PDB file of N, CA and C in Angstrom:
ATOM      1  N   MET A   1      24.068  13.654 -53.139  1.00  0.00           N
ATOM      2  CA  MET A   1      23.812  12.447 -53.849  1.00  0.00           C
ATOM      3  C   MET A   1      22.449  12.139 -54.130  1.00  0.00           C
ATOM      4  N   SER A   2      22.143  11.570 -55.219  1.00  0.00           N
ATOM      5  CA  SER A   2      20.712  11.117 -55.290  1.00  0.00           C
ATOM      6  C   SER A   2      20.500   9.701 -54.869  1.00  0.00           C
ATOM      7  N   SER A   3      19.401   9.316 -54.434  1.00  0.00           N
ATOM      8  CA  SER A   3      19.047   8.027 -53.988  1.00  0.00           C
ATOM      9  C   SER A   3      18.590   7.114 -55.149  1.00  0.00           C
ATOM     10  N   ASN A   4      18.535   7.609 -56.245  1.00  0.00           N
ATOM     11  CA  ASN A   4      18.214   6.954 -57.461  1.00  0.00           C
ATOM     12  C   ASN A   4      19.541   6.490 -58.289  1.00  0.00           C
ATOM     13  N   HIS A   5      19.973   5.343 -58.055  1.00  0.00           N
ATOM     14  CA  HIS A   5      21.395   5.012 -58.688  1.00  0.00           C
ATOM     15  C   HIS A   5      20.950   3.905 -59.844  1.00  0.00           C
ATOM     16  N   SER A   6      19.685   3.617 -60.114  1.00  0.00           N
ATOM     17  CA  SER A   6      19.347   2.701 -61.076  1.00  0.00           C
ATOM     18  C   SER A   6      19.825   3.111 -62.557  1.00  0.00           C
ATOM     19  N   ALA A   7      19.740   4.403 -62.765  1.00  0.00           N
ATOM     20  CA  ALA A   7      19.922   4.962 -64.077  1.00  0.00           C
ATOM     21  C   ALA A   7      21.408   4.913 -64.227  1.00  0.00           C
ATOM     22  N   GLU A   8      22.302   5.103 -63.216  1.00  0.00           N
ATOM     23  CA  GLU A   8      23.623   5.262 -63.477  1.00  0.00           C
ATOM     24  C   GLU A   8      24.437   3.874 -63.404  1.00  0.00           C
ATOM     25  N   GLU A   9      23.708   2.969 -62.662  1.00  0.00           N
ATOM     26  CA  GLU A   9      24.297   1.650 -62.651  1.00  0.00           C
ATOM     27  C   GLU A   9      24.195   0.826 -63.943  1.00  0.00           C
ATOM     28  N   LYS A  10      25.104   0.049 -64.252  1.00  0.00           N
ATOM     29  CA  LYS A  10      24.903  -0.758 -65.407  1.00  0.00           C
ATOM     30  C   LYS A  10      24.769  -2.183 -64.852  1.00  0.00           C
ATOM     31  N   ARG A  11      24.038  -2.968 -65.686  1.00  0.00           N
ATOM     32  CA  ARG A  11      23.777  -4.411 -65.287  1.00  0.00           C
ATOM     33  C   ARG A  11      25.123  -5.225 -65.537  1.00  0.00           C
ATOM     34  N   PRO A  12      25.193  -6.055 -64.678  1.00  0.00           N
ATOM     35  CA  PRO A  12      26.505  -7.033 -64.919  1.00  0.00           C
ATOM     36  C   PRO A  12      26.288  -7.855 -66.218  1.00  0.00           C
ATOM     37  N   VAL A  13      27.472  -7.857 -66.843  1.00  0.00           N
ATOM     38  CA  VAL A  13      27.382  -8.772 -68.222  1.00  0.00           C
ATOM     39  C   VAL A  13      27.449 -10.201 -67.724  1.00  0.00           C
ATOM     40  N   ARG A  14      26.443 -10.883 -68.225  1.00  0.00           N
ATOM     41  CA  ARG A  14      26.476 -12.439 -67.926  1.00  0.00           C
ATOM     42  C   ARG A  14      27.190 -13.094 -69.183  1.00  0.00           C
ATOM     43  N   HIS A  15      28.124 -13.969 -68.761  1.00  0.00           N
ATOM     44  CA  HIS A  15      28.747 -14.836 -69.881  1.00  0.00           C
ATOM     45  C   HIS A  15      28.157 -16.173 -69.995  1.00  0.00           C
ATOM     46  N   LYS A  16      27.995 -16.453 -71.208  1.00  0.00           N
ATOM     47  CA  LYS A  16      27.299 -17.721 -71.481  1.00  0.00           C
ATOM     48  C   LYS A  16      28.461 -18.971 -71.111  1.00  0.00           C
ATOM     49  N   LEU A  17      28.048 -19.681 -70.185  1.00  0.00           N
ATOM     50  CA  LEU A  17      28.930 -20.889 -69.673  1.00  0.00           C
ATOM     51  C   LEU A  17      28.877 -21.967 -70.834  1.00  0.00           C
ATOM     52  N   GLU A  18      29.953 -22.578 -71.176  1.00  0.00           N
ATOM     53  CA  GLU A  18      29.906 -23.630 -71.999  1.00  0.00           C
ATOM     54  C   GLU A  18      29.782 -24.959 -71.342  1.00  0.00           C
ATOM     55  N   GLY A  19      28.650 -25.508 -71.594  1.00  0.00           N
ATOM     56  CA  GLY A  19      28.468 -26.667 -70.868  1.00  0.00           C
ATOM     57  C   GLY A  19      29.039 -28.078 -71.551  1.00  0.00           C
ATOM     58  N   PRO A  20      28.602 -29.142 -71.096  1.00  0.00           N
ATOM     59  CA  PRO A  20      29.129 -30.360 -71.577  1.00  0.00           C
ATOM     60  C   PRO A  20      28.563 -30.822 -73.131  1.00  0.00           C
ATOM     61  N   GLN A  21      27.539 -29.989 -73.522  1.00  0.00           N
ATOM     62  CA  GLN A  21      27.004 -30.433 -74.866  1.00  0.00           C
ATOM     63  C   GLN A  21      27.883 -30.549 -75.914  1.00  0.00           C
ATOM     64  N   LYS A  22      28.701 -29.552 -76.066  1.00  0.00           N
ATOM     65  CA  LYS A  22      29.651 -29.491 -77.075  1.00  0.00           C
ATOM     66  C   LYS A  22      30.820 -30.538 -76.947  1.00  0.00           C
ATOM     67  N   ALA A  23      31.230 -30.860 -75.767  1.00  0.00           N
ATOM     68  CA  ALA A  23      32.121 -32.037 -75.485  1.00  0.00           C
ATOM     69  C   ALA A  23      31.463 -33.334 -75.879  1.00  0.00           C
ATOM     70  N   ILE A  24      30.289 -33.567 -75.555  1.00  0.00           N
ATOM     71  CA  ILE A  24      29.548 -34.712 -75.803  1.00  0.00           C
ATOM     72  C   ILE A  24      29.460 -34.944 -77.224  1.00  0.00           C
ATOM     73  N   VAL A  25      28.890 -33.876 -77.945  1.00  0.00           N
ATOM     74  CA  VAL A  25      28.802 -34.010 -79.409  1.00  0.00           C
ATOM     75  C   VAL A  25      30.086 -34.266 -80.127  1.00  0.00           C
ATOM     76  N   SER A  26      31.150 -33.585 -79.781  1.00  0.00           N
ATOM     77  CA  SER A  26      32.338 -33.611 -80.326  1.00  0.00           C
ATOM     78  C   SER A  26      33.131 -35.066 -80.062  1.00  0.00           C
ATOM     79  N   PHE A  27      32.866 -35.630 -78.896  1.00  0.00           N
ATOM     80  CA  PHE A  27      33.280 -36.989 -78.545  1.00  0.00           C
ATOM     81  C   PHE A  27      32.666 -37.856 -79.410  1.00  0.00           C
ATOM     82  N   ILE A  28      31.245 -37.882 -79.559  1.00  0.00           N
ATOM     83  CA  ILE A  28      30.493 -38.702 -80.365  1.00  0.00           C
ATOM     84  C   ILE A  28      30.981 -38.611 -81.915  1.00  0.00           C
ATOM     85  N   LEU A  29      31.171 -37.449 -82.386  1.00  0.00           N
ATOM     86  CA  LEU A  29      31.691 -37.101 -83.715  1.00  0.00           C
ATOM     87  C   LEU A  29      33.011 -37.897 -83.888  1.00  0.00           C
ATOM     88  N   SER A  30      33.938 -37.659 -82.930  1.00  0.00           N
ATOM     89  CA  SER A  30      35.351 -38.291 -83.031  1.00  0.00           C
ATOM     90  C   SER A  30      35.109 -39.862 -83.100  1.00  0.00           C
ATOM     91  N   VAL A  31      34.310 -40.425 -82.160  1.00  0.00           N
ATOM     92  CA  VAL A  31      34.158 -41.898 -82.271  1.00  0.00           C
ATOM     93  C   VAL A  31      33.582 -42.340 -83.571  1.00  0.00           C
ATOM     94  N   LEU A  32      32.554 -41.666 -84.073  1.00  0.00           N
ATOM     95  CA  LEU A  32      31.878 -41.872 -85.351  1.00  0.00           C
ATOM     96  C   LEU A  32      32.926 -41.858 -86.553  1.00  0.00           C
ATOM     97  N   LEU A  33      33.724 -40.754 -86.490  1.00  0.00           N
ATOM     98  CA  LEU A  33      34.825 -40.685 -87.704  1.00  0.00           C
ATOM     99  C   LEU A  33      35.725 -41.877 -87.524  1.00  0.00           C
ATOM    100  N   THR A  34      36.128 -42.310 -86.266  1.00  0.00           N
ATOM    101  CA  THR A  34      37.032 -43.506 -86.168  1.00  0.00           C
ATOM    102  C   THR A  34      36.391 -44.708 -86.564  1.00  0.00           C
ATOM    103  N   LEU A  35      35.159 -45.051 -86.290  1.00  0.00           N
ATOM    104  CA  LEU A  35      34.410 -46.045 -86.734  1.00  0.00           C
ATOM    105  C   LEU A  35      34.289 -46.068 -88.361  1.00  0.00           C
ATOM    106  N   ILE A  36      34.047 -44.899 -88.835  1.00  0.00           N
ATOM    107  CA  ILE A  36      34.049 -44.908 -90.332  1.00  0.00           C
ATOM    108  C   ILE A  36      35.355 -45.337 -90.914  1.00  0.00           C
ATOM    109  N   ALA A  37      36.362 -44.742 -90.427  1.00  0.00           N
ATOM    110  CA  ALA A  37      37.736 -45.185 -90.967  1.00  0.00           C
ATOM    111  C   ALA A  37      37.965 -46.667 -90.685  1.00  0.00           C
ATOM    112  N   PHE A  38      37.663 -47.195 -89.493  1.00  0.00           N
ATOM    113  CA  PHE A  38      37.797 -48.554 -89.338  1.00  0.00           C
ATOM    114  C   PHE A  38      36.877 -49.476 -90.261  1.00  0.00           C
ATOM    115  N   ALA A  39      35.728 -49.130 -90.400  1.00  0.00           N
ATOM    116  CA  ALA A  39      34.701 -49.962 -91.283  1.00  0.00           C
ATOM    117  C   ALA A  39      35.212 -49.811 -92.740  1.00  0.00           C
ATOM    118  N   THR A  40      35.832 -48.674 -93.025  1.00  0.00           N
ATOM    119  CA  THR A  40      36.358 -48.628 -94.540  1.00  0.00           C
ATOM    120  C   THR A  40      37.376 -49.564 -94.671  1.00  0.00           C
ATOM    121  N   VAL A  41      38.425 -49.526 -93.945  1.00  0.00           N
ATOM    122  CA  VAL A  41      39.518 -50.479 -93.947  1.00  0.00           C
ATOM    123  C   VAL A  41      39.276 -51.974 -93.849  1.00  0.00           C
ATOM    124  N   ALA A  42      38.333 -52.247 -92.877  1.00  0.00           N
ATOM    125  CA  ALA A  42      37.953 -53.580 -92.546  1.00  0.00           C
ATOM    126  C   ALA A  42      37.047 -54.155 -93.688  1.00  0.00           C
ATOM    127  N   SER A  43      36.357 -53.493 -94.311  1.00  0.00           N
ATOM    128  CA  SER A  43      35.376 -54.004 -95.301  1.00  0.00           C
ATOM    129  C   SER A  43      36.124 -54.741 -96.396  1.00  0.00           C
ATOM    130  N   GLY A  44      37.349 -54.368 -96.799  1.00  0.00           N
ATOM    131  CA  GLY A  44      38.320 -55.086 -97.660  1.00  0.00           C
ATOM    132  C   GLY A  44      37.924 -55.022 -99.234  1.00  0.00           C
ATOM    133  N   GLY A  45      36.584 -54.888 -99.561  1.00  0.00           N
ATOM    134  CA  GLY A  45      36.092 -54.804-100.886  1.00  0.00           C
ATOM    135  C   GLY A  45      36.081 -53.567-101.554  1.00  0.00           C
ATOM    136  N   ILE A  46      36.634 -52.471-100.996  1.00  0.00           N
ATOM    137  CA  ILE A  46      36.577 -51.178-101.582  1.00  0.00           C
ATOM    138  C   ILE A  46      37.921 -50.815-102.269  1.00  0.00           C
ATOM    139  N   ASN A  47      37.895 -50.096-103.382  1.00  0.00           N
ATOM    140  CA  ASN A  47      39.063 -49.731-104.119  1.00  0.00           C
ATOM    141  C   ASN A  47      39.958 -48.906-103.134  1.00  0.00           C
ATOM    142  N   THR A  48      41.361 -49.346-103.174  1.00  0.00           N
ATOM    143  CA  THR A  48      42.320 -48.565-102.225  1.00  0.00           C
ATOM    144  C   THR A  48      42.375 -47.097-102.453  1.00  0.00           C
ATOM    145  N   ASP A  49      42.176 -46.652-103.560  1.00  0.00           N
ATOM    146  CA  ASP A  49      42.152 -45.137-103.790  1.00  0.00           C
ATOM    147  C   ASP A  49      40.909 -44.463-103.117  1.00  0.00           C
ATOM    148  N   PHE A  50      39.878 -45.174-103.147  1.00  0.00           N
ATOM    149  CA  PHE A  50      38.651 -44.562-102.424  1.00  0.00           C
ATOM    150  C   PHE A  50      38.861 -44.760-100.808  1.00  0.00           C
ATOM    151  N   ILE A  51      39.650 -45.780-100.506  1.00  0.00           N
ATOM    152  CA  ILE A  51      39.866 -45.865 -98.988  1.00  0.00           C
ATOM    153  C   ILE A  51      40.874 -44.727 -98.593  1.00  0.00           C
ATOM    154  N   TYR A  52      41.764 -44.329 -99.396  1.00  0.00           N
ATOM    155  CA  TYR A  52      42.739 -43.338 -99.044  1.00  0.00           C
ATOM    156  C   TYR A  52      42.027 -42.297 -99.025  1.00  0.00           C
ATOM    157  N   ILE A  53      41.085 -41.739 -99.792  1.00  0.00           N
ATOM    158  CA  ILE A  53      40.369 -40.597 -99.808  1.00  0.00           C
ATOM    159  C   ILE A  53      39.410 -40.470 -98.558  1.00  0.00           C
ATOM    160  N   ILE A  54      38.789 -41.521 -98.155  1.00  0.00           N
ATOM    161  CA  ILE A  54      37.952 -41.644 -96.891  1.00  0.00           C
ATOM    162  C   ILE A  54      38.842 -41.531 -95.790  1.00  0.00           C
ATOM    163  N   LEU A  55      40.007 -42.068 -95.673  1.00  0.00           N
ATOM    164  CA  LEU A  55      40.755 -41.971 -94.444  1.00  0.00           C
ATOM    165  C   LEU A  55      41.453 -40.495 -94.275  1.00  0.00           C
ATOM    166  N   ILE A  56      41.833 -39.973 -95.386  1.00  0.00           N
ATOM    167  CA  ILE A  56      42.360 -38.613 -95.257  1.00  0.00           C
ATOM    168  C   ILE A  56      41.164 -37.610 -95.005  1.00  0.00           C
ATOM    169  N   GLY A  57      39.998 -37.686 -95.379  1.00  0.00           N
ATOM    170  CA  GLY A  57      38.967 -36.891 -95.124  1.00  0.00           C
ATOM    171  C   GLY A  57      38.568 -37.066 -93.640  1.00  0.00           C
ATOM    172  N   CYS A  58      38.546 -38.349 -93.133  1.00  0.00           N
ATOM    173  CA  CYS A  58      38.249 -38.510 -91.753  1.00  0.00           C
ATOM    174  C   CYS A  58      39.253 -37.876 -90.800  1.00  0.00           C
ATOM    175  N   ALA A  59      40.504 -37.946 -91.344  1.00  0.00           N
ATOM    176  CA  ALA A  59      41.692 -37.524 -90.491  1.00  0.00           C
ATOM    177  C   ALA A  59      41.537 -35.984 -90.359  1.00  0.00           C
ATOM    178  N   ILE A  60      41.337 -35.445 -91.425  1.00  0.00           N
ATOM    179  CA  ILE A  60      41.285 -33.945 -91.571  1.00  0.00           C
ATOM    180  C   ILE A  60      40.069 -33.479 -90.642  1.00  0.00           C
ATOM    181  N   LEU A  61      38.902 -34.007 -90.814  1.00  0.00           N
ATOM    182  CA  LEU A  61      37.789 -33.705 -89.852  1.00  0.00           C
ATOM    183  C   LEU A  61      38.082 -34.032 -88.437  1.00  0.00           C
ATOM    184  N   GLN A  62      38.927 -35.019 -88.028  1.00  0.00           N
ATOM    185  CA  GLN A  62      39.070 -35.328 -86.823  1.00  0.00           C
ATOM    186  C   GLN A  62      40.192 -34.336 -86.159  1.00  0.00           C
ATOM    187  N   VAL A  63      41.151 -33.833 -87.023  1.00  0.00           N
ATOM    188  CA  VAL A  63      41.882 -32.744 -86.595  1.00  0.00           C
ATOM    189  C   VAL A  63      41.212 -31.453 -86.196  1.00  0.00           C
ATOM    190  N   PHE A  64      40.283 -31.165 -87.117  1.00  0.00           N
ATOM    191  CA  PHE A  64      39.472 -29.907 -86.714  1.00  0.00           C
ATOM    192  C   PHE A  64      38.718 -29.945 -85.599  1.00  0.00           C
ATOM    193  N   VAL A  65      37.928 -31.147 -85.315  1.00  0.00           N
ATOM    194  CA  VAL A  65      37.246 -31.396 -84.181  1.00  0.00           C
ATOM    195  C   VAL A  65      38.079 -31.289 -82.892  1.00  0.00           C
ATOM    196  N   GLN A  66      39.299 -31.990 -83.005  1.00  0.00           N
ATOM    197  CA  GLN A  66      40.103 -32.012 -81.723  1.00  0.00           C
ATOM    198  C   GLN A  66      40.629 -30.707 -81.382  1.00  0.00           C
ATOM    199  N   MET A  67      41.074 -29.912 -82.520  1.00  0.00           N
ATOM    200  CA  MET A  67      41.604 -28.573 -82.327  1.00  0.00           C
ATOM    201  C   MET A  67      40.612 -27.525 -81.809  1.00  0.00           C
ATOM    202  N   ALA A  68      39.387 -27.643 -82.291  1.00  0.00           N
ATOM    203  CA  ALA A  68      38.448 -26.700 -81.886  1.00  0.00           C
ATOM    204  C   ALA A  68      37.848 -26.965 -80.519  1.00  0.00           C
ATOM    205  N   VAL A  69      37.612 -28.188 -80.317  1.00  0.00           N
ATOM    206  CA  VAL A  69      36.872 -28.392 -79.029  1.00  0.00           C
ATOM    207  C   VAL A  69      37.826 -28.848 -77.920  1.00  0.00           C
ATOM    208  N   TRP A  70      38.610 -29.718 -78.071  1.00  0.00           N
ATOM    209  CA  TRP A  70      39.521 -30.114 -76.883  1.00  0.00           C
ATOM    210  C   TRP A  70      40.567 -29.244 -76.659  1.00  0.00           C
ATOM    211  N   MET A  71      41.258 -28.632 -77.773  1.00  0.00           N
ATOM    212  CA  MET A  71      42.283 -27.796 -77.564  1.00  0.00           C
ATOM    213  C   MET A  71      41.943 -26.354 -77.603  1.00  0.00           C
ATOM    214  N   HIS A  72      40.688 -26.034 -77.601  1.00  0.00           N
ATOM    215  CA  HIS A  72      40.129 -24.859 -77.478  1.00  0.00           C
ATOM    216  C   HIS A  72      40.774 -23.763 -78.517  1.00  0.00           C
ATOM    217  N   MET A  73      41.140 -24.174 -79.697  1.00  0.00           N
ATOM    218  CA  MET A  73      41.834 -23.263 -80.611  1.00  0.00           C
ATOM    219  C   MET A  73      40.696 -22.276 -81.226  1.00  0.00           C
ATOM    220  N   LYS A  74      39.411 -22.481 -80.987  1.00  0.00           N
ATOM    221  CA  LYS A  74      38.427 -21.529 -81.455  1.00  0.00           C
ATOM    222  C   LYS A  74      38.400 -20.313 -80.665  1.00  0.00           C
ATOM    223  N   ASP A  75      38.819 -20.464 -79.466  1.00  0.00           N
ATOM    224  CA  ASP A  75      38.829 -19.207 -78.461  1.00  0.00           C
ATOM    225  C   ASP A  75      39.839 -18.103 -78.988  1.00  0.00           C
ATOM    226  N   ARG A  76      39.754 -17.032 -78.333  1.00  0.00           N
ATOM    227  CA  ARG A  76      40.769 -15.866 -78.543  1.00  0.00           C
ATOM    228  C   ARG A  76      41.980 -16.178 -77.665  1.00  0.00           C
ATOM    229  N   GLY A  77      43.148 -15.625 -78.113  1.00  0.00           N
ATOM    230  CA  GLY A  77      44.293 -15.678 -77.389  1.00  0.00           C
ATOM    231  C   GLY A  77      45.210 -16.987 -77.719  1.00  0.00           C
ATOM    232  N   HIS A  78      44.879 -17.583 -78.783  1.00  0.00           N
ATOM    233  CA  HIS A  78      45.677 -18.763 -79.294  1.00  0.00           C
ATOM    234  C   HIS A  78      46.398 -18.476 -80.414  1.00  0.00           C
ATOM    235  N   ALA A  79      46.634 -17.213 -80.871  1.00  0.00           N
ATOM    236  CA  ALA A  79      47.381 -16.932 -82.021  1.00  0.00           C
ATOM    237  C   ALA A  79      48.787 -17.554 -82.268  1.00  0.00           C
ATOM    238  N   TYR A  80      49.449 -17.562 -81.105  1.00  0.00           N
ATOM    239  CA  TYR A  80      50.785 -18.077 -81.123  1.00  0.00           C
ATOM    240  C   TYR A  80      50.835 -19.667 -81.384  1.00  0.00           C
ATOM    241  N   ALA A  81      49.840 -20.302 -80.898  1.00  0.00           N
ATOM    242  CA  ALA A  81      49.641 -21.784 -81.077  1.00  0.00           C
ATOM    243  C   ALA A  81      49.216 -22.041 -82.414  1.00  0.00           C
ATOM    244  N   THR A  82      48.210 -21.246 -83.003  1.00  0.00           N
ATOM    245  CA  THR A  82      47.786 -21.350 -84.325  1.00  0.00           C
ATOM    246  C   THR A  82      48.957 -21.178 -85.316  1.00  0.00           C
ATOM    247  N   VAL A  83      49.823 -20.181 -85.158  1.00  0.00           N
ATOM    248  CA  VAL A  83      51.019 -19.918 -85.918  1.00  0.00           C
ATOM    249  C   VAL A  83      51.939 -20.982 -86.017  1.00  0.00           C
ATOM    250  N   ALA A  84      52.186 -21.446 -84.787  1.00  0.00           N
ATOM    251  CA  ALA A  84      53.216 -22.692 -84.615  1.00  0.00           C
ATOM    252  C   ALA A  84      52.577 -23.998 -85.291  1.00  0.00           C
ATOM    253  N   ILE A  85      51.170 -24.216 -85.161  1.00  0.00           N
ATOM    254  CA  ILE A  85      50.702 -25.445 -85.775  1.00  0.00           C
ATOM    255  C   ILE A  85      50.705 -25.224 -87.410  1.00  0.00           C
ATOM    256  N   LEU A  86      50.441 -24.031 -87.881  1.00  0.00           N
ATOM    257  CA  LEU A  86      50.514 -23.747 -89.363  1.00  0.00           C
ATOM    258  C   LEU A  86      51.842 -23.864 -89.747  1.00  0.00           C
ATOM    259  N   PHE A  87      52.973 -23.422 -89.109  1.00  0.00           N
ATOM    260  CA  PHE A  87      54.272 -23.553 -89.617  1.00  0.00           C
ATOM    261  C   PHE A  87      54.579 -25.087 -89.529  1.00  0.00           C
ATOM    262  N   GLY A  88      54.204 -25.761 -88.528  1.00  0.00           N
ATOM    263  CA  GLY A  88      54.439 -27.241 -88.614  1.00  0.00           C
ATOM    264  C   GLY A  88      53.938 -27.878 -89.754  1.00  0.00           C
ATOM    265  N   VAL A  89      52.731 -27.620 -90.108  1.00  0.00           N
ATOM    266  CA  VAL A  89      52.077 -28.176 -91.118  1.00  0.00           C
ATOM    267  C   VAL A  89      52.835 -27.814 -92.555  1.00  0.00           C
ATOM    268  N   PHE A  90      53.184 -26.531 -92.614  1.00  0.00           N
ATOM    269  CA  PHE A  90      54.135 -26.070 -93.831  1.00  0.00           C
ATOM    270  C   PHE A  90      55.287 -26.903 -93.832  1.00  0.00           C
ATOM    271  N   ILE A  91      56.095 -27.199 -92.720  1.00  0.00           N
ATOM    272  CA  ILE A  91      57.324 -28.008 -92.698  1.00  0.00           C
ATOM    273  C   ILE A  91      56.990 -29.382 -93.113  1.00  0.00           C
ATOM    274  N   VAL A  92      55.907 -29.937 -92.615  1.00  0.00           N
ATOM    275  CA  VAL A  92      55.610 -31.422 -92.981  1.00  0.00           C
ATOM    276  C   VAL A  92      55.293 -31.492 -94.424  1.00  0.00           C
ATOM    277  N   PHE A  93      54.491 -30.628 -95.012  1.00  0.00           N
ATOM    278  CA  PHE A  93      54.239 -30.573 -96.427  1.00  0.00           C
ATOM    279  C   PHE A  93      55.382 -30.438 -97.135  1.00  0.00           C
ATOM    280  N   THR A  94      56.248 -29.463 -96.850  1.00  0.00           N
ATOM    281  CA  THR A  94      57.446 -29.300 -97.539  1.00  0.00           C
ATOM    282  C   THR A  94      58.318 -30.678 -97.521  1.00  0.00           C
ATOM    283  N   CYS A  95      58.385 -31.226 -96.446  1.00  0.00           N
ATOM    284  CA  CYS A  95      59.300 -32.523 -96.278  1.00  0.00           C
ATOM    285  C   CYS A  95      58.622 -33.603 -97.185  1.00  0.00           C
ATOM    286  N   VAL A  96      57.300 -33.715 -97.127  1.00  0.00           N
ATOM    287  CA  VAL A  96      56.567 -34.720 -98.017  1.00  0.00           C
ATOM    288  C   VAL A  96      56.833 -34.529 -99.498  1.00  0.00           C
ATOM    289  N   ILE A  97      56.782 -33.120 -99.908  1.00  0.00           N
ATOM    290  CA  ILE A  97      57.054 -32.962-101.423  1.00  0.00           C
ATOM    291  C   ILE A  97      58.519 -33.334-101.692  1.00  0.00           C
ATOM    292  N   MET A  98      59.483 -33.101-100.752  1.00  0.00           N
ATOM    293  CA  MET A  98      60.871 -33.096-100.997  1.00  0.00           C
ATOM    294  C   MET A  98      61.065 -34.657-101.091  1.00  0.00           C
ATOM    295  N   ALA A  99      60.511 -35.366-100.129  1.00  0.00           N
ATOM    296  CA  ALA A  99      60.706 -36.933-100.237  1.00  0.00           C
ATOM    297  C   ALA A  99      60.107 -37.454-101.502  1.00  0.00           C
ATOM    298  N   GLU A 100      58.919 -36.968-102.014  1.00  0.00           N
ATOM    299  CA  GLU A 100      58.558 -37.336-103.257  1.00  0.00           C
ATOM    300  C   GLU A 100      59.401 -37.231-104.348  1.00  0.00           C
ATOM    301  N   TYR A 101      59.992 -36.048-104.397  1.00  0.00           N
ATOM    302  CA  TYR A 101      60.913 -35.750-105.584  1.00  0.00           C
ATOM    303  C   TYR A 101      62.199 -36.456-105.376  1.00  0.00           C
ATOM    304  N   TRP A 102      62.692 -36.835-104.159  1.00  0.00           N
ATOM    305  CA  TRP A 102      63.808 -37.604-103.961  1.00  0.00           C
ATOM    306  C   TRP A 102      63.692 -38.994-104.364  1.00  0.00           C
ATOM    307  N   ALA A 103      62.406 -39.467-104.049  1.00  0.00           N
ATOM    308  CA  ALA A 103      62.199 -41.020-104.399  1.00  0.00           C
ATOM    309  C   ALA A 103      61.883 -41.128-105.867  1.00  0.00           C
ATOM    310  N   TRP A 104      61.361 -40.243-106.608  1.00  0.00           N
ATOM    311  CA  TRP A 104      61.044 -40.534-107.943  1.00  0.00           C
ATOM    312  C   TRP A 104      62.120 -40.082-108.912  1.00  0.00           C
ATOM    313  N   TRP A 105      63.320 -39.601-108.402  1.00  0.00           N
ATOM    314  CA  TRP A 105      64.207 -39.194-109.330  1.00  0.00           C
ATOM    315  C   TRP A 105      65.520 -40.038-109.069  1.00  0.00           C
TER     316      TRP A 105
END
């Protein structure tokens, strides 16, 4: 055996640890989106169609922030949960469309 093992040994792989910075930024973003939605509704002088657009936009952004950071859906190994959530969205969307047709006919 040779005494020079440095050529044969591999350096250990260091994994980057996820610090609290992402959680703090996402928390601030969540609070900011909530305040925007509240301020839009509380102002009272804005057109209702514009209020709906802002509320839906804030809600969609809030969902992405919650799923990516707090539910860790951005990480690998969450394929089953992602498929289940997408299937649930499809079912809800189908129910809303069916309710619209039922109410208007």
